[in-house]
Amino acid sequence: MRVKYIINNNKEEALTYQKEYLVLTLEVFPSSSAIAMHEGDNIFFRLENDIGQMLMYPSKLFEITSNKVSSRWEIEKNHDGSIHFLPSLWRGAFIDEYYNYTPSAMEVYKNVKEKLFEEETY
């Protein structure tokens, strides 16, 4: 799945207007959740920004340019009611380990991201 950054709100410093990005995960939060209320959106795309960080961005900032859903995605429902579509190797504690720069998580991230990219380009 690919998206194009179409709403330049001058808040997202590490995104380029009109640039396409590969969606790494799709995350849906309850409308009443703090993040949904703060961002005014309850659907988020996790992608790698222009400085190489994997972060969540509100879907309202993007248009979908490729609706091809990754065959590597699985569905995970969390205790807070959020639903995540993400690679199986990224379930559980992976996100915390990634943001703590755990070497094994960084390697898993790199390998899975490459596979997602390859799958999208075919």
Protein backbone atom coordinates (compact mmCIF):
# COMPACT_ATOMS: atom_id res chain seq x y z
CA MET A 1 0.00 0.00 0.00
CA ARG A 2 1.29 3.43 -0.93
CA VAL A 3 0.08 6.88 -0.02
CA LYS A 4 0.91 10.41 -1.16
CA TYR A 5 1.33 13.27 1.32
CA ILE A 6 -1.25 15.79 0.08
CA ILE A 7 -2.03 18.10 2.99
CA ASN A 8 0.97 20.15 3.96
CA ASN A 9 0.02 21.36 7.44
CA ASN A 10 3.55 22.63 8.22
CA LYS A 11 3.46 20.35 11.26
CA GLU A 12 5.02 17.23 9.74
CA GLU A 13 8.63 18.30 9.29
CA ALA A 14 9.98 15.03 7.93
CA LEU A 15 7.52 14.54 5.05
CA THR A 16 7.74 15.93 1.53
CA TYR A 17 4.61 17.40 -0.03
CA GLN A 18 3.31 15.26 -2.92
CA LYS A 19 5.80 12.46 -2.19
CA GLU A 20 4.68 8.83 -2.11
CA TYR A 21 5.39 6.65 0.93
CA LEU A 22 5.09 2.94 1.56
CA VAL A 23 2.59 2.14 4.32
CA LEU A 24 4.27 -0.19 6.79
CA THR A 25 1.27 -0.61 9.10
CA LEU A 26 -2.31 0.61 9.20
CA GLU A 27 -3.71 1.35 12.64
CA VAL A 28 -7.30 2.14 13.61
CA PHE A 29 -8.09 3.59 17.03
CA PRO A 30 -11.46 4.09 18.69
CA SER A 31 -12.82 7.56 17.88
CA SER A 32 -12.91 8.33 21.60
CA SER A 33 -9.22 7.51 22.13
CA ALA A 34 -6.82 10.27 23.15
CA ILE A 35 -4.77 10.00 19.96
CA ALA A 36 -7.86 10.16 17.73
CA MET A 37 -9.24 13.15 19.57
CA HIS A 38 -5.87 14.94 19.53
CA GLU A 39 -5.20 14.36 15.83
CA GLY A 40 -8.80 14.61 14.61
CA ASP A 41 -8.43 11.23 12.90
CA ASN A 42 -8.67 7.66 14.10
CA ILE A 43 -6.89 5.97 11.18
CA PHE A 44 -3.11 6.17 11.04
CA PHE A 45 -0.44 5.05 8.60
CA ARG A 46 2.92 4.06 10.01
CA LEU A 47 5.60 4.84 7.44
CA GLU A 48 9.24 5.71 7.14
CA ASN A 49 9.63 9.46 6.84
CA ASP A 50 12.33 11.40 4.99
CA ILE A 51 14.85 11.07 7.81
CA GLY A 52 14.44 7.32 8.18
CA GLN A 53 12.13 7.24 11.21
CA MET A 54 9.14 4.91 11.33
CA LEU A 55 6.29 7.03 12.71
CA MET A 56 2.49 7.13 12.71
CA TYR A 57 0.75 9.84 10.70
CA PRO A 58 -2.97 10.63 10.47
CA SER A 59 -4.49 9.19 7.30
CA LYS A 60 -6.25 12.49 6.55
CA LEU A 61 -2.88 13.90 5.39
CA PHE A 62 -2.62 11.38 2.55
CA GLU A 63 -4.36 9.96 -0.47
CA ILE A 64 -4.02 6.29 -1.29
CA THR A 65 -2.08 5.80 -4.53
CA SER A 66 -1.86 1.99 -4.36
CA ASN A 67 -4.49 0.02 -2.50
CA LYS A 68 -2.55 -3.23 -2.70
CA VAL A 69 -2.72 -4.71 0.80
CA SER A 70 0.36 -6.57 1.92
CA SER A 71 0.07 -10.33 2.15
CA ARG A 72 2.46 -10.05 5.11
CA TRP A 73 -0.01 -8.08 7.23
CA GLU A 74 -1.90 -9.73 10.06
CA ILE A 75 -4.61 -8.22 12.24
CA GLU A 76 -3.96 -7.53 15.89
CA LYS A 77 -6.59 -6.17 18.29
CA ASN A 78 -5.20 -4.48 21.37
CA HIS A 79 -6.68 -4.09 24.84
CA ASP A 80 -7.52 -0.43 24.09
CA GLY A 81 -9.79 -1.47 21.22
CA SER A 82 -7.35 -0.41 18.52
CA ILE A 83 -6.88 -2.65 15.50
CA HIS A 84 -3.51 -2.92 13.76
CA PHE A 85 -2.70 -4.36 10.36
CA LEU A 86 1.00 -5.14 10.54
CA PRO A 87 3.64 -7.70 9.60
CA SER A 88 3.60 -10.76 11.85
CA LEU A 89 7.20 -10.17 12.98
CA TRP A 90 6.20 -6.71 14.23
CA ARG A 91 3.52 -7.94 16.65
CA GLY A 92 3.85 -7.79 20.42
CA ALA A 93 6.84 -5.92 21.85
CA PHE A 94 8.51 -5.18 18.49
CA ILE A 95 7.50 -1.49 18.34
CA ASP A 96 8.93 -0.79 21.80
CA GLU A 97 12.13 -2.62 20.91
CA TYR A 98 12.38 -0.68 17.63
CA TYR A 99 12.04 2.69 19.37
CA ASN A 100 14.62 1.58 21.93
CA TYR A 101 16.99 0.81 19.02
CA THR A 102 17.42 -2.81 20.02
CA PRO A 103 19.81 -4.25 17.39
CA SER A 104 17.69 -7.34 16.73
CA ALA A 105 14.56 -5.21 16.25
CA MET A 106 16.39 -2.87 13.88
CA GLU A 107 17.49 -5.86 11.80
CA VAL A 108 13.94 -7.29 11.74
CA TYR A 109 12.63 -3.85 10.73
CA LYS A 110 15.08 -3.56 7.86
CA ASN A 111 14.36 -7.06 6.53
CA VAL A 112 10.58 -6.79 6.77
CA LYS A 113 10.55 -3.29 5.25
CA GLU A 114 12.52 -4.59 2.26
CA LYS A 115 10.03 -7.43 1.78
CA LEU A 116 7.08 -5.02 1.99
CA PHE A 117 8.73 -2.78 -0.60
CA GLU A 118 9.48 -5.70 -2.93
CA GLU A 119 5.92 -6.95 -2.64
CA GLU A 120 4.50 -3.50 -3.43
CA THR A 121 6.65 -3.07 -6.53
CA TYR A 122 5.50 -6.31 -8.17
